PDB file of N, CA and C in Angstrom:
ATOM      1  N   UNK A   1      -5.918 -19.743   7.183  1.00  0.00           N
ATOM      2  CA  UNK A   1      -6.245 -20.314   8.463  1.00  0.00           C
ATOM      3  C   UNK A   1      -7.652 -20.909   8.423  1.00  0.00           C
ATOM      4  N   UNK A   2      -8.594 -20.205   7.800  1.00  0.00           N
ATOM      5  CA  UNK A   2      -9.966 -20.698   7.774  1.00  0.00           C
ATOM      6  C   UNK A   2     -10.072 -21.997   6.991  1.00  0.00           C
ATOM      7  N   UNK A   3      -9.204 -22.182   6.013  1.00  0.00           N
ATOM      8  CA  UNK A   3      -9.237 -23.405   5.219  1.00  0.00           C
ATOM      9  C   UNK A   3      -8.493 -24.540   5.910  1.00  0.00           C
ATOM     10  N   UNK A   4      -7.830 -24.271   7.010  1.00  0.00           N
ATOM     11  CA  UNK A   4      -7.119 -25.307   7.743  1.00  0.00           C
ATOM     12  C   UNK A   4      -5.775 -25.668   7.156  1.00  0.00           C
ATOM     13  N   UNK A   5      -5.240 -24.841   6.278  1.00  0.00           N
ATOM     14  CA  UNK A   5      -3.988 -25.146   5.595  1.00  0.00           C
ATOM     15  C   UNK A   5      -2.819 -25.274   6.570  1.00  0.00           C
ATOM     16  N   UNK A   6      -2.808 -24.481   7.635  1.00  0.00           N
ATOM     17  CA  UNK A   6      -1.683 -24.545   8.581  1.00  0.00           C
ATOM     18  C   UNK A   6      -1.990 -25.426   9.786  1.00  0.00           C
ATOM     19  N   UNK A   7      -3.120 -26.088   9.762  1.00  0.00           N
ATOM     20  CA  UNK A   7      -3.490 -26.954  10.879  1.00  0.00           C
ATOM     21  C   UNK A   7      -4.158 -26.164  11.993  1.00  0.00           C
ATOM     22  N   UNK A   8      -4.305 -26.789  13.144  1.00  0.00           N
ATOM     23  CA  UNK A   8      -4.929 -26.130  14.291  1.00  0.00           C
ATOM     24  C   UNK A   8      -3.932 -25.198  14.967  1.00  0.00           C
ATOM     25  N   UNK A   9      -4.342 -23.970  15.177  1.00  0.00           N
ATOM     26  CA  UNK A   9      -3.493 -23.000  15.869  1.00  0.00           C
ATOM     27  C   UNK A   9      -3.684 -23.216  17.359  1.00  0.00           C
ATOM     28  N   UNK A  10      -2.593 -23.524  18.042  1.00  0.00           N
ATOM     29  CA  UNK A  10      -2.672 -23.801  19.474  1.00  0.00           C
ATOM     30  C   UNK A  10      -2.127 -22.674  20.313  1.00  0.00           C
ATOM     31  N   UNK A  11      -1.240 -21.872  19.733  1.00  0.00           N
ATOM     32  CA  UNK A  11      -0.609 -20.824  20.516  1.00  0.00           C
ATOM     33  C   UNK A  11      -0.138 -19.715  19.583  1.00  0.00           C
ATOM     34  N   UNK A  12      -0.273 -18.483  20.032  1.00  0.00           N
ATOM     35  CA  UNK A  12       0.168 -17.331  19.251  1.00  0.00           C
ATOM     36  C   UNK A  12       0.977 -16.428  20.165  1.00  0.00           C
ATOM     37  N   UNK A  13       2.135 -15.994  19.697  1.00  0.00           N
ATOM     38  CA  UNK A  13       2.980 -15.062  20.447  1.00  0.00           C
ATOM     39  C   UNK A  13       3.006 -13.741  19.696  1.00  0.00           C
ATOM     40  N   UNK A  14       2.748 -12.651  20.391  1.00  0.00           N
ATOM     41  CA  UNK A  14       2.727 -11.330  19.771  1.00  0.00           C
ATOM     42  C   UNK A  14       3.590 -10.390  20.593  1.00  0.00           C
ATOM     43  N   UNK A  15       4.363  -9.567  19.907  1.00  0.00           N
ATOM     44  CA  UNK A  15       5.162  -8.552  20.565  1.00  0.00           C
ATOM     45  C   UNK A  15       5.078  -7.285  19.742  1.00  0.00           C
ATOM     46  N   UNK A  16       5.044  -6.157  20.388  1.00  0.00           N
ATOM     47  CA  UNK A  16       5.055  -4.885  19.682  1.00  0.00           C
ATOM     48  C   UNK A  16       5.954  -3.911  20.414  1.00  0.00           C
ATOM     49  N   UNK A  17       6.577  -3.074  19.647  1.00  0.00           N
ATOM     50  CA  UNK A  17       7.424  -2.037  20.213  1.00  0.00           C
ATOM     51  C   UNK A  17       6.747  -0.686  20.014  1.00  0.00           C
ATOM     52  N   UNK A  18       5.424  -0.675  20.169  1.00  0.00           N
ATOM     53  CA  UNK A  18       4.670   0.555  19.927  1.00  0.00           C
ATOM     54  C   UNK A  18       4.954   1.584  21.014  1.00  0.00           C
ATOM     55  N   UNK A  19       5.424   2.753  20.595  1.00  0.00           N
ATOM     56  CA  UNK A  19       5.623   3.812  21.574  1.00  0.00           C
ATOM     57  C   UNK A  19       4.287   4.372  22.058  1.00  0.00           C
ATOM     58  N   UNK A  20       4.347   5.209  23.057  1.00  0.00           N
ATOM     59  CA  UNK A  20       3.111   5.724  23.635  1.00  0.00           C
ATOM     60  C   UNK A  20       2.512   6.873  22.836  1.00  0.00           C
ATOM     61  N   UNK A  21       3.256   7.495  21.922  1.00  0.00           N
ATOM     62  CA  UNK A  21       2.694   8.598  21.146  1.00  0.00           C
ATOM     63  C   UNK A  21       1.882   8.048  19.975  1.00  0.00           C
ATOM     64  N   UNK A  22       0.993   8.864  19.389  1.00  0.00           N
ATOM     65  CA  UNK A  22       0.139   8.395  18.290  1.00  0.00           C
ATOM     66  C   UNK A  22       0.960   7.925  17.093  1.00  0.00           C
ATOM     67  N   UNK A  23       0.514   6.891  16.448  1.00  0.00           N
ATOM     68  CA  UNK A  23       1.209   6.323  15.303  1.00  0.00           C
ATOM     69  C   UNK A  23       0.453   6.646  14.024  1.00  0.00           C
ATOM     70  N   UNK A  24       1.123   6.527  12.900  1.00  0.00           N
ATOM     71  CA  UNK A  24       0.476   6.706  11.613  1.00  0.00           C
ATOM     72  C   UNK A  24       0.144   8.146  11.280  1.00  0.00           C
ATOM     73  N   UNK A  25       0.832   9.104  11.875  1.00  0.00           N
ATOM     74  CA  UNK A  25       0.550  10.495  11.561  1.00  0.00           C
ATOM     75  C   UNK A  25       1.098  10.823  10.179  1.00  0.00           C
ATOM     76  N   UNK A  26       0.346  11.603   9.448  1.00  0.00           N
ATOM     77  CA  UNK A  26       0.724  11.952   8.096  1.00  0.00           C
ATOM     78  C   UNK A  26       1.740  13.077   8.081  1.00  0.00           C
ATOM     79  N   UNK A  27       2.469  13.159   6.992  1.00  0.00           N
ATOM     80  CA  UNK A  27       3.364  14.279   6.808  1.00  0.00           C
ATOM     81  C   UNK A  27       2.514  15.485   6.458  1.00  0.00           C
ATOM     82  N   UNK A  28       2.609  16.564   7.204  1.00  0.00           N
ATOM     83  CA  UNK A  28       1.768  17.718   6.893  1.00  0.00           C
ATOM     84  C   UNK A  28       2.131  18.328   5.547  1.00  0.00           C
ATOM     85  N   UNK A  29       1.197  19.070   4.982  1.00  0.00           N
ATOM     86  CA  UNK A  29       1.441  19.763   3.717  1.00  0.00           C
ATOM     87  C   UNK A  29       2.545  20.794   3.917  1.00  0.00           C
ATOM     88  N   UNK A  30       3.293  21.109   2.854  1.00  0.00           N
ATOM     89  CA  UNK A  30       4.337  22.130   2.983  1.00  0.00           C
ATOM     90  C   UNK A  30       3.750  23.466   3.431  1.00  0.00           C
ATOM     91  N   UNK A  31       4.477  24.177   4.237  1.00  0.00           N
ATOM     92  CA  UNK A  31       4.026  25.470   4.739  1.00  0.00           C
ATOM     93  C   UNK A  31       4.338  26.564   3.718  1.00  0.00           C
ATOM     94  N   UNK A  32       3.593  27.645   3.792  1.00  0.00           N
ATOM     95  CA  UNK A  32       3.817  28.771   2.890  1.00  0.00           C
ATOM     96  C   UNK A  32       5.161  29.426   3.205  1.00  0.00           C
ATOM     97  N   UNK A  33       5.641  30.230   2.270  1.00  0.00           N
ATOM     98  CA  UNK A  33       6.954  30.865   2.426  1.00  0.00           C
ATOM     99  C   UNK A  33       7.002  31.790   3.635  1.00  0.00           C
ATOM    100  N   UNK A  34       5.862  32.372   4.006  1.00  0.00           N
ATOM    101  CA  UNK A  34       5.860  33.299   5.138  1.00  0.00           C
ATOM    102  C   UNK A  34       5.516  32.620   6.471  1.00  0.00           C
ATOM    103  N   UNK A  35       5.523  31.291   6.505  1.00  0.00           N
ATOM    104  CA  UNK A  35       5.213  30.547   7.727  1.00  0.00           C
ATOM    105  C   UNK A  35       6.280  30.818   8.784  1.00  0.00           C
ATOM    106  N   UNK A  36       5.845  31.171   9.980  1.00  0.00           N
ATOM    107  CA  UNK A  36       6.767  31.453  11.082  1.00  0.00           C
ATOM    108  C   UNK A  36       6.473  30.502  12.241  1.00  0.00           C
ATOM    109  N   UNK A  37       7.286  29.451  12.408  1.00  0.00           N
ATOM    110  CA  UNK A  37       7.015  28.487  13.475  1.00  0.00           C
ATOM    111  C   UNK A  37       7.169  29.073  14.875  1.00  0.00           C
ATOM    112  N   UNK A  38       7.846  30.213  14.999  1.00  0.00           N
ATOM    113  CA  UNK A  38       8.065  30.820  16.310  1.00  0.00           C
ATOM    114  C   UNK A  38       7.062  31.920  16.634  1.00  0.00           C
ATOM    115  N   UNK A  39       6.087  32.119  15.759  1.00  0.00           N
ATOM    116  CA  UNK A  39       5.087  33.159  15.980  1.00  0.00           C
ATOM    117  C   UNK A  39       4.351  32.921  17.295  1.00  0.00           C
ATOM    118  N   UNK A  40       4.095  34.003  18.023  1.00  0.00           N
ATOM    119  CA  UNK A  40       3.359  33.890  19.288  1.00  0.00           C
ATOM    120  C   UNK A  40       1.902  33.512  19.052  1.00  0.00           C
ATOM    121  N   UNK A  41       1.419  33.689  17.824  1.00  0.00           N
ATOM    122  CA  UNK A  41       0.038  33.337  17.495  1.00  0.00           C
ATOM    123  C   UNK A  41      -0.111  31.858  17.126  1.00  0.00           C
ATOM    124  N   UNK A  42       1.005  31.163  16.965  1.00  0.00           N
ATOM    125  CA  UNK A  42       0.973  29.746  16.575  1.00  0.00           C
ATOM    126  C   UNK A  42       0.890  28.873  17.808  1.00  0.00           C
ATOM    127  N   UNK A  43       0.046  27.859  17.725  1.00  0.00           N
ATOM    128  CA  UNK A  43      -0.068  26.896  18.820  1.00  0.00           C
ATOM    129  C   UNK A  43       0.515  25.559  18.369  1.00  0.00           C
ATOM    130  N   UNK A  44       1.320  24.950  19.214  1.00  0.00           N
ATOM    131  CA  UNK A  44       1.844  23.612  18.941  1.00  0.00           C
ATOM    132  C   UNK A  44       1.256  22.611  19.937  1.00  0.00           C
ATOM    133  N   UNK A  45       0.120  22.962  20.517  1.00  0.00           N
ATOM    134  CA  UNK A  45      -0.552  22.058  21.445  1.00  0.00           C
ATOM    135  C   UNK A  45      -1.159  20.868  20.716  1.00  0.00           C
ATOM    136  N   UNK A  46      -1.602  19.884  21.476  1.00  0.00           N
ATOM    137  CA  UNK A  46      -2.157  18.660  20.894  1.00  0.00           C
ATOM    138  C   UNK A  46      -3.296  18.937  19.925  1.00  0.00           C
ATOM    139  N   UNK A  47      -4.177  19.853  20.285  1.00  0.00           N
ATOM    140  CA  UNK A  47      -5.327  20.130  19.422  1.00  0.00           C
ATOM    141  C   UNK A  47      -4.898  20.695  18.069  1.00  0.00           C
ATOM    142  N   UNK A  48      -3.982  21.657  18.073  1.00  0.00           N
ATOM    143  CA  UNK A  48      -3.526  22.265  16.823  1.00  0.00           C
ATOM    144  C   UNK A  48      -2.836  21.234  15.933  1.00  0.00           C
ATOM    145  N   UNK A  49      -2.014  20.399  16.521  1.00  0.00           N
ATOM    146  CA  UNK A  49      -1.323  19.364  15.748  1.00  0.00           C
ATOM    147  C   UNK A  49      -2.333  18.356  15.202  1.00  0.00           C
ATOM    148  N   UNK A  50      -3.292  17.946  16.016  1.00  0.00           N
ATOM    149  CA  UNK A  50      -4.315  16.998  15.564  1.00  0.00           C
ATOM    150  C   UNK A  50      -5.138  17.586  14.424  1.00  0.00           C
ATOM    151  N   UNK A  51      -5.473  18.863  14.499  1.00  0.00           N
ATOM    152  CA  UNK A  51      -6.246  19.498  13.431  1.00  0.00           C
ATOM    153  C   UNK A  51      -5.455  19.548  12.131  1.00  0.00           C
ATOM    154  N   UNK A  52      -4.160  19.802  12.207  1.00  0.00           N
ATOM    155  CA  UNK A  52      -3.364  19.846  10.981  1.00  0.00           C
ATOM    156  C   UNK A  52      -3.270  18.466  10.340  1.00  0.00           C
ATOM    157  N   UNK A  53      -3.210  17.427  11.149  1.00  0.00           N
ATOM    158  CA  UNK A  53      -3.176  16.071  10.602  1.00  0.00           C
ATOM    159  C   UNK A  53      -4.540  15.647  10.072  1.00  0.00           C
ATOM    160  N   UNK A  54      -5.597  16.092  10.703  1.00  0.00           N
ATOM    161  CA  UNK A  54      -6.942  15.711  10.268  1.00  0.00           C
ATOM    162  C   UNK A  54      -7.196  16.161   8.840  1.00  0.00           C
ATOM    163  N   UNK A  55      -6.673  17.312   8.459  1.00  0.00           N
ATOM    164  CA  UNK A  55      -6.840  17.780   7.086  1.00  0.00           C
ATOM    165  C   UNK A  55      -6.256  16.808   6.081  1.00  0.00           C
ATOM    166  N   UNK A  56      -5.146  16.177   6.434  1.00  0.00           N
ATOM    167  CA  UNK A  56      -4.515  15.215   5.535  1.00  0.00           C
ATOM    168  C   UNK A  56      -5.263  13.906   5.417  1.00  0.00           C
ATOM    169  N   UNK A  57      -6.117  13.598   6.383  1.00  0.00           N
ATOM    170  CA  UNK A  57      -6.852  12.331   6.323  1.00  0.00           C
ATOM    171  C   UNK A  57      -7.842  12.294   5.175  1.00  0.00           C
ATOM    172  N   UNK A  58      -8.363  13.448   4.777  1.00  0.00           N
ATOM    173  CA  UNK A  58      -9.408  13.480   3.747  1.00  0.00           C
ATOM    174  C   UNK A  58      -8.868  13.847   2.380  1.00  0.00           C
ATOM    175  N   UNK A  59      -7.583  14.070   2.261  1.00  0.00           N
ATOM    176  CA  UNK A  59      -6.996  14.409   0.970  1.00  0.00           C
ATOM    177  C   UNK A  59      -7.005  13.187   0.050  1.00  0.00           C
ATOM    178  N   UNK A  60      -6.911  13.436  -1.238  1.00  0.00           N
ATOM    179  CA  UNK A  60      -6.839  12.349  -2.218  1.00  0.00           C
ATOM    180  C   UNK A  60      -5.373  11.962  -2.409  1.00  0.00           C
ATOM    181  N   UNK A  61      -5.083  10.691  -2.322  1.00  0.00           N
ATOM    182  CA  UNK A  61      -3.725  10.190  -2.510  1.00  0.00           C
ATOM    183  C   UNK A  61      -3.722   9.113  -3.579  1.00  0.00           C
ATOM    184  N   UNK A  62      -2.593   8.957  -4.248  1.00  0.00           N
ATOM    185  CA  UNK A  62      -2.426   7.893  -5.238  1.00  0.00           C
ATOM    186  C   UNK A  62      -1.341   6.951  -4.739  1.00  0.00           C
ATOM    187  N   UNK A  63      -1.528   5.656  -4.977  1.00  0.00           N
ATOM    188  CA  UNK A  63      -0.465   4.727  -4.570  1.00  0.00           C
ATOM    189  C   UNK A  63       0.802   4.990  -5.377  1.00  0.00           C
ATOM    190  N   UNK A  64       1.951   4.613  -4.835  1.00  0.00           N
ATOM    191  CA  UNK A  64       3.193   4.756  -5.601  1.00  0.00           C
ATOM    192  C   UNK A  64       3.078   3.984  -6.915  1.00  0.00           C
ATOM    193  N   UNK A  65       3.744   4.434  -7.975  1.00  0.00           N
ATOM    194  CA  UNK A  65       3.615   3.781  -9.283  1.00  0.00           C
ATOM    195  C   UNK A  65       3.983   2.297  -9.261  1.00  0.00           C
ATOM    196  N   UNK A  66       4.902   1.918  -8.379  1.00  0.00           N
ATOM    197  CA  UNK A  66       5.327   0.509  -8.342  1.00  0.00           C
ATOM    198  C   UNK A  66       4.397  -0.369  -7.508  1.00  0.00           C
ATOM    199  N   UNK A  67       3.340   0.208  -6.963  1.00  0.00           N
ATOM    200  CA  UNK A  67       2.443  -0.553  -6.087  1.00  0.00           C
ATOM    201  C   UNK A  67       1.113  -0.840  -6.775  1.00  0.00           C
ATOM    202  N   UNK A  68       0.719  -2.101  -6.782  1.00  0.00           N
ATOM    203  CA  UNK A  68      -0.595  -2.500  -7.295  1.00  0.00           C
ATOM    204  C   UNK A  68      -1.551  -2.521  -6.104  1.00  0.00           C
ATOM    205  N   UNK A  69      -2.319  -1.447  -5.931  1.00  0.00           N
ATOM    206  CA  UNK A  69      -3.179  -1.298  -4.764  1.00  0.00           C
ATOM    207  C   UNK A  69      -4.219  -2.408  -4.694  1.00  0.00           C
ATOM    208  N   UNK A  70      -4.795  -2.789  -5.833  1.00  0.00           N
ATOM    209  CA  UNK A  70      -5.788  -3.867  -5.833  1.00  0.00           C
ATOM    210  C   UNK A  70      -5.169  -5.184  -5.375  1.00  0.00           C
ATOM    211  N   UNK A  71      -3.956  -5.459  -5.814  1.00  0.00           N
ATOM    212  CA  UNK A  71      -3.271  -6.675  -5.386  1.00  0.00           C
ATOM    213  C   UNK A  71      -2.962  -6.609  -3.890  1.00  0.00           C
ATOM    214  N   UNK A  72      -2.570  -5.440  -3.405  1.00  0.00           N
ATOM    215  CA  UNK A  72      -2.281  -5.261  -1.982  1.00  0.00           C
ATOM    216  C   UNK A  72      -3.524  -5.532  -1.137  1.00  0.00           C
ATOM    217  N   UNK A  73      -4.693  -5.048  -1.596  1.00  0.00           N
ATOM    218  CA  UNK A  73      -5.941  -5.271  -0.850  1.00  0.00           C
ATOM    219  C   UNK A  73      -6.366  -6.727  -0.864  1.00  0.00           C
ATOM    220  N   UNK A  74      -6.070  -7.417  -1.956  1.00  0.00           N
ATOM    221  CA  UNK A  74      -6.491  -8.818  -2.053  1.00  0.00           C
ATOM    222  C   UNK A  74      -8.001  -8.932  -1.976  1.00  0.00           C
ATOM    223  N   UNK A  75      -8.509  -9.891  -1.206  1.00  0.00           N
ATOM    224  CA  UNK A  75      -9.957 -10.088  -1.140  1.00  0.00           C
ATOM    225  C   UNK A  75     -10.674  -9.135  -0.177  1.00  0.00           C
ATOM    226  N   UNK A  76      -9.943  -8.223   0.444  1.00  0.00           N
ATOM    227  CA  UNK A  76     -10.572  -7.272   1.378  1.00  0.00           C
ATOM    228  C   UNK A  76     -11.497  -6.321   0.624  1.00  0.00           C
ATOM    229  N   UNK A  77     -12.422  -5.712   1.352  1.00  0.00           N
ATOM    230  CA  UNK A  77     -13.331  -4.759   0.698  1.00  0.00           C
ATOM    231  C   UNK A  77     -12.518  -3.598   0.124  1.00  0.00           C
ATOM    232  N   UNK A  78     -12.943  -3.064  -1.003  1.00  0.00           N
ATOM    233  CA  UNK A  78     -12.190  -1.979  -1.635  1.00  0.00           C
ATOM    234  C   UNK A  78     -12.204  -0.703  -0.788  1.00  0.00           C
ATOM    235  N   UNK A  79     -11.067  -0.104  -0.635  1.00  0.00           N
ATOM    236  CA  UNK A  79     -10.928   1.201   0.009  1.00  0.00           C
ATOM    237  C   UNK A  79      -9.947   2.018  -0.825  1.00  0.00           C
ATOM    238  N   UNK A  80     -10.106   3.334  -0.793  1.00  0.00           N
ATOM    239  CA  UNK A  80      -9.176   4.193  -1.517  1.00  0.00           C
ATOM    240  C   UNK A  80      -7.805   4.118  -0.854  1.00  0.00           C
ATOM    241  N   UNK A  81      -6.773   4.240  -1.670  1.00  0.00           N
ATOM    242  CA  UNK A  81      -5.412   4.248  -1.140  1.00  0.00           C
ATOM    243  C   UNK A  81      -5.207   5.464  -0.236  1.00  0.00           C
ATOM    244  N   UNK A  82      -4.491   5.255   0.831  1.00  0.00           N
ATOM    245  CA  UNK A  82      -4.074   6.338   1.719  1.00  0.00           C
ATOM    246  C   UNK A  82      -2.755   5.911   2.351  1.00  0.00           C
ATOM    247  N   UNK A  83      -1.775   6.803   2.448  1.00  0.00           N
ATOM    248  CA  UNK A  83      -0.486   6.411   3.014  1.00  0.00           C
ATOM    249  C   UNK A  83      -0.554   5.973   4.474  1.00  0.00           C
ATOM    250  N   UNK A  84      -1.670   6.231   5.151  1.00  0.00           N
ATOM    251  CA  UNK A  84      -1.796   5.773   6.531  1.00  0.00           C
ATOM    252  C   UNK A  84      -1.920   4.241   6.573  1.00  0.00           C
ATOM    253  N   UNK A  85      -2.419   3.644   5.470  1.00  0.00           N
ATOM    254  CA  UNK A  85      -2.532   2.187   5.391  1.00  0.00           C
ATOM    255  C   UNK A  85      -1.208   1.558   4.995  1.00  0.00           C
ATOM    256  N   UNK A  86      -0.526   2.179   4.063  1.00  0.00           N
ATOM    257  CA  UNK A  86       0.740   1.647   3.567  1.00  0.00           C
ATOM    258  C   UNK A  86       1.598   2.828   3.149  1.00  0.00           C
ATOM    259  N   UNK A  87       2.704   3.069   3.837  1.00  0.00           N
ATOM    260  CA  UNK A  87       3.516   4.264   3.526  1.00  0.00           C
ATOM    261  C   UNK A  87       4.180   4.196   2.171  1.00  0.00           C
TER     262      UNK A  87
END
């Protein structure tokens, strides 16, 4: 667009089917064998769920073997691969 290859942009139409709940949540780590989801000590409130996902944000991830992460980034600044960017 900056090079003018597609000409002057006069109009853009955008539509999204984004639901109201948070998007891009990571798959949590597997639970231990003694994990009890029905325990009275377990909280499934927003804060507890957010904290469990936050741990996954800082984990180290590798792109799938068939994916060239550098090619995917193109000229963008380098960032480490994370499945939140590309599942």
